[in-house]
Amino acid sequence: MRLSAVFAVALALASAPIRGMAEENDQEVEAHKVALDLAAAFSNEGFKIRDGHWAGSLKPQDRALIAVNLYAGNQYWFSIGATEKAKKIGVGVFDESGHKVATEDYDDGEKVAAGFSPAMSGQYFVAVDLREGEESTCCLVYSYK
């Protein structure tokens, strides 16, 4: 699917809620724990974990796009954790025009992170995809400073 088509769909789906205290199933809780464990490493460097998170199920070769509002001058880390059925997940950050932005990446198979400091404030999209493994639940949390 072309990236522009993905973003057209994303705009319709970008309202995927960032969850706060919503009821979660066991797989979402496990994925959230993995993501928080990874994000904790960034909190040691002064990053604060944002309240709320996104969790959802991904099939192989599926992609979820999560809309986030970011501010110029801040630094961000997007940490993604998945349940054990995921063997490799990917993460990318895109600006509102659909252009991929350069990120500093961390990759450990079922947990990945992307670091980024936007030059301009605005809406960005975090793409999470399941590259290898079986259908899995993934969770995104992000940190800022």
C-alpha atoms as a PDB file:
ATOM      1  CA  MET A   1       0.000   0.000   0.000  1.00  0.00           C
ATOM      2  CA  ARG A   2       1.356   3.400  -0.931  1.00  0.00           C
ATOM      3  CA  LEU A   3       2.345   5.649   1.935  1.00  0.00           C
ATOM      4  CA  SER A   4      -0.111   8.379   0.885  1.00  0.00           C
ATOM      5  CA  ALA A   5      -2.944   5.831   0.938  1.00  0.00           C
ATOM      6  CA  VAL A   6      -1.765   4.666   4.341  1.00  0.00           C
ATOM      7  CA  PHE A   7      -1.966   8.226   5.639  1.00  0.00           C
ATOM      8  CA  ALA A   8      -5.435   8.698   4.170  1.00  0.00           C
ATOM      9  CA  VAL A   9      -6.536   5.636   6.104  1.00  0.00           C
ATOM     10  CA  ALA A  10      -4.508   6.830   9.086  1.00  0.00           C
ATOM     11  CA  LEU A  11      -6.369  10.103   9.229  1.00  0.00           C
ATOM     12  CA  ALA A  12      -9.585   8.147   9.504  1.00  0.00           C
ATOM     13  CA  LEU A  13      -8.086   5.794  12.085  1.00  0.00           C
ATOM     14  CA  ALA A  14      -5.724   8.238  13.773  1.00  0.00           C
ATOM     15  CA  SER A  15      -8.309   8.838  16.376  1.00  0.00           C
ATOM     16  CA  ALA A  16      -7.300   5.458  17.825  1.00  0.00           C
ATOM     17  CA  PRO A  17      -7.507   6.379  21.462  1.00  0.00           C
ATOM     18  CA  ILE A  18      -4.482   6.684  23.666  1.00  0.00           C
ATOM     19  CA  ARG A  19      -5.707   4.619  26.571  1.00  0.00           C
ATOM     20  CA  GLY A  20      -5.614   5.771  30.104  1.00  0.00           C
ATOM     21  CA  MET A  21      -7.353   3.671  32.707  1.00  0.00           C
ATOM     22  CA  ALA A  22      -9.529   1.677  30.277  1.00  0.00           C
ATOM     23  CA  GLU A  23     -10.074  -1.983  31.016  1.00  0.00           C
ATOM     24  CA  GLU A  24      -7.377  -4.129  29.402  1.00  0.00           C
ATOM     25  CA  ASN A  25      -7.101  -7.806  28.593  1.00  0.00           C
ATOM     26  CA  ASP A  26      -4.158  -9.952  29.749  1.00  0.00           C
ATOM     27  CA  GLN A  27      -2.237  -9.570  26.466  1.00  0.00           C
ATOM     28  CA  GLU A  28      -2.524  -5.774  26.588  1.00  0.00           C
ATOM     29  CA  VAL A  29      -1.313  -5.763  30.185  1.00  0.00           C
ATOM     30  CA  GLU A  30       1.694  -7.913  29.236  1.00  0.00           C
ATOM     31  CA  ALA A  31       2.571  -5.746  26.201  1.00  0.00           C
ATOM     32  CA  HIS A  32       2.163  -2.610  28.341  1.00  0.00           C
ATOM     33  CA  LYS A  33       4.570  -4.048  30.937  1.00  0.00           C
ATOM     34  CA  VAL A  34       7.192  -4.753  28.236  1.00  0.00           C
ATOM     35  CA  ALA A  35       6.824  -1.210  26.843  1.00  0.00           C
ATOM     36  CA  LEU A  36       7.075   0.352  30.319  1.00  0.00           C
ATOM     37  CA  ASP A  37      10.178  -1.705  31.140  1.00  0.00           C
ATOM     38  CA  LEU A  38      11.844  -0.331  28.008  1.00  0.00           C
ATOM     39  CA  ALA A  39      10.646   3.236  28.677  1.00  0.00           C
ATOM     40  CA  ALA A  40      12.099   3.036  32.192  1.00  0.00           C
ATOM     41  CA  ALA A  41      15.588   2.990  30.667  1.00  0.00           C
ATOM     42  CA  PHE A  42      14.899   6.415  29.144  1.00  0.00           C
ATOM     43  CA  SER A  43      13.529   7.768  32.430  1.00  0.00           C
ATOM     44  CA  ASN A  44      17.021   7.167  33.839  1.00  0.00           C
ATOM     45  CA  GLU A  45      18.147   9.838  31.353  1.00  0.00           C
ATOM     46  CA  GLY A  46      15.571  12.378  32.543  1.00  0.00           C
ATOM     47  CA  PHE A  47      12.655  11.445  30.273  1.00  0.00           C
ATOM     48  CA  LYS A  48       9.158  11.503  31.763  1.00  0.00           C
ATOM     49  CA  ILE A  49       6.703   8.806  30.700  1.00  0.00           C
ATOM     50  CA  ARG A  50       3.531  10.350  29.315  1.00  0.00           C
ATOM     51  CA  ASP A  51       0.275   9.272  30.939  1.00  0.00           C
ATOM     52  CA  GLY A  52      -1.753   6.983  28.726  1.00  0.00           C
ATOM     53  CA  HIS A  53      -0.753   4.520  26.057  1.00  0.00           C
ATOM     54  CA  TRP A  54      -1.980   2.775  22.910  1.00  0.00           C
ATOM     55  CA  ALA A  55      -2.463  -0.989  22.767  1.00  0.00           C
ATOM     56  CA  GLY A  56      -3.815  -3.168  19.991  1.00  0.00           C
ATOM     57  CA  SER A  57      -3.498  -6.424  18.149  1.00  0.00           C
ATOM     58  CA  LEU A  58      -1.401  -6.678  14.979  1.00  0.00           C
ATOM     59  CA  LYS A  59      -1.287  -9.450  12.416  1.00  0.00           C
ATOM     60  CA  PRO A  60       1.897 -10.178  10.422  1.00  0.00           C
ATOM     61  CA  GLN A  61       2.615  -7.369   7.945  1.00  0.00           C
ATOM     62  CA  ASP A  62      -0.074  -5.158   9.565  1.00  0.00           C
ATOM     63  CA  ARG A  63       0.639  -1.586  10.560  1.00  0.00           C
ATOM     64  CA  ALA A  64      -0.976   0.674  13.121  1.00  0.00           C
ATOM     65  CA  LEU A  65      -0.605   4.448  12.915  1.00  0.00           C
ATOM     66  CA  ILE A  66      -0.967   6.414  16.110  1.00  0.00           C
ATOM     67  CA  ALA A  67      -1.340  10.188  15.909  1.00  0.00           C
ATOM     68  CA  VAL A  68       0.651  12.195  18.469  1.00  0.00           C
ATOM     69  CA  ASN A  69       1.039  15.928  19.017  1.00  0.00           C
ATOM     70  CA  LEU A  70       4.676  16.880  19.537  1.00  0.00           C
ATOM     71  CA  TYR A  71       6.386  20.138  20.439  1.00  0.00           C
ATOM     72  CA  ALA A  72       9.539  21.609  18.941  1.00  0.00           C
ATOM     73  CA  GLY A  73      12.399  21.716  21.402  1.00  0.00           C
ATOM     74  CA  ASN A  74      11.329  18.564  23.258  1.00  0.00           C
ATOM     75  CA  GLN A  75      12.955  15.175  22.855  1.00  0.00           C
ATOM     76  CA  TYR A  76      10.783  12.062  22.589  1.00  0.00           C
ATOM     77  CA  TRP A  77      11.232   8.305  22.849  1.00  0.00           C
ATOM     78  CA  PHE A  78       8.489   6.034  21.540  1.00  0.00           C
ATOM     79  CA  SER A  79       8.761   2.630  23.239  1.00  0.00           C
ATOM     80  CA  ILE A  80       6.861  -0.364  21.893  1.00  0.00           C
ATOM     81  CA  GLY A  81       6.509  -3.728  23.589  1.00  0.00           C
ATOM     82  CA  ALA A  82       4.753  -6.847  22.336  1.00  0.00           C
ATOM     83  CA  THR A  83       3.625 -10.213  23.601  1.00  0.00           C
ATOM     84  CA  GLU A  84       5.921 -13.187  23.048  1.00  0.00           C
ATOM     85  CA  LYS A  85       4.286 -14.294  19.774  1.00  0.00           C
ATOM     86  CA  ALA A  86       5.910 -11.280  18.096  1.00  0.00           C
ATOM     87  CA  LYS A  87       9.418 -12.036  16.891  1.00  0.00           C
ATOM     88  CA  LYS A  88      10.192  -8.662  15.309  1.00  0.00           C
ATOM     89  CA  ILE A  89       8.295  -5.394  15.376  1.00  0.00           C
ATOM     90  CA  GLY A  90       9.138  -2.166  13.666  1.00  0.00           C
ATOM     91  CA  VAL A  91       8.588   1.475  14.480  1.00  0.00           C
ATOM     92  CA  GLY A  92       8.815   4.625  12.397  1.00  0.00           C
ATOM     93  CA  VAL A  93       7.870   8.268  12.888  1.00  0.00           C
ATOM     94  CA  PHE A  94       6.267  10.341  10.140  1.00  0.00           C
ATOM     95  CA  ASP A  95       5.431  14.032   9.906  1.00  0.00           C
ATOM     96  CA  GLU A  96       1.950  15.246   8.984  1.00  0.00           C
ATOM     97  CA  SER A  97       2.898  15.174   5.276  1.00  0.00           C
ATOM     98  CA  GLY A  98       3.753  11.474   5.457  1.00  0.00           C
ATOM     99  CA  HIS A  99       7.520  11.907   5.280  1.00  0.00           C
ATOM    100  CA  LYS A 100       9.527   9.601   7.496  1.00  0.00           C
ATOM    101  CA  VAL A 101      11.690  11.518   9.960  1.00  0.00           C
ATOM    102  CA  ALA A 102      15.150  10.457  11.069  1.00  0.00           C
ATOM    103  CA  THR A 103      15.122   8.713  14.438  1.00  0.00           C
ATOM    104  CA  GLU A 104      17.589   7.138  16.794  1.00  0.00           C
ATOM    105  CA  ASP A 105      16.528   3.496  17.004  1.00  0.00           C
ATOM    106  CA  TYR A 106      16.682   0.703  19.559  1.00  0.00           C
ATOM    107  CA  ASP A 107      15.733  -2.810  18.410  1.00  0.00           C
ATOM    108  CA  ASP A 108      15.486  -5.931  20.533  1.00  0.00           C
ATOM    109  CA  GLY A 109      12.978  -7.976  18.516  1.00  0.00           C
ATOM    110  CA  GLU A 110       9.720  -7.779  20.458  1.00  0.00           C
ATOM    111  CA  LYS A 111      10.614  -4.425  22.008  1.00  0.00           C
ATOM    112  CA  VAL A 112      11.751  -1.430  20.000  1.00  0.00           C
ATOM    113  CA  ALA A 113      12.072   2.314  20.464  1.00  0.00           C
ATOM    114  CA  ALA A 114      12.564   5.375  18.304  1.00  0.00           C
ATOM    115  CA  GLY A 115      14.005   8.652  19.593  1.00  0.00           C
ATOM    116  CA  PHE A 116      13.238  11.947  17.898  1.00  0.00           C
ATOM    117  CA  SER A 117      13.394  15.701  18.496  1.00  0.00           C
ATOM    118  CA  PRO A 118      11.032  17.613  16.180  1.00  0.00           C
ATOM    119  CA  ALA A 119      12.127  20.871  14.620  1.00  0.00           C
ATOM    120  CA  MET A 120       8.479  21.944  14.284  1.00  0.00           C
ATOM    121  CA  SER A 121       5.513  21.476  16.590  1.00  0.00           C
ATOM    122  CA  GLY A 122       2.555  19.610  15.167  1.00  0.00           C
ATOM    123  CA  GLN A 123       0.924  16.290  14.566  1.00  0.00           C
ATOM    124  CA  TYR A 124       3.129  13.289  13.848  1.00  0.00           C
ATOM    125  CA  PHE A 125       2.349   9.624  13.309  1.00  0.00           C
ATOM    126  CA  VAL A 126       4.059   6.678  14.952  1.00  0.00           C
ATOM    127  CA  ALA A 127       3.859   3.557  12.777  1.00  0.00           C
ATOM    128  CA  VAL A 128       4.056   0.186  14.518  1.00  0.00           C
ATOM    129  CA  ASP A 129       4.200  -2.962  12.427  1.00  0.00           C
ATOM    130  CA  LEU A 130       4.569  -6.672  13.056  1.00  0.00           C
ATOM    131  CA  ARG A 131       7.353  -7.838  10.739  1.00  0.00           C
ATOM    132  CA  GLU A 132       7.820 -11.407  11.981  1.00  0.00           C
ATOM    133  CA  GLY A 133       5.873 -13.751  14.222  1.00  0.00           C
ATOM    134  CA  GLU A 134       2.248 -14.544  14.872  1.00  0.00           C
ATOM    135  CA  GLU A 135      -0.600 -12.155  15.618  1.00  0.00           C
ATOM    136  CA  SER A 136       0.433 -10.280  18.747  1.00  0.00           C
ATOM    137  CA  THR A 137      -0.667  -7.513  21.025  1.00  0.00           C
ATOM    138  CA  CYS A 138       1.550  -4.434  20.968  1.00  0.00           C
ATOM    139  CA  CYS A 139       1.672  -1.406  23.229  1.00  0.00           C
ATOM    140  CA  LEU A 140       3.118   2.073  22.677  1.00  0.00           C
ATOM    141  CA  VAL A 141       4.142   4.444  25.442  1.00  0.00           C
ATOM    142  CA  TYR A 142       6.143   7.569  24.948  1.00  0.00           C
ATOM    143  CA  SER A 143       8.502   9.661  26.983  1.00  0.00           C
ATOM    144  CA  TYR A 144       9.542  13.293  26.678  1.00  0.00           C
ATOM    145  CA  LYS A 145      11.926  15.847  28.100  1.00  0.00           C
END
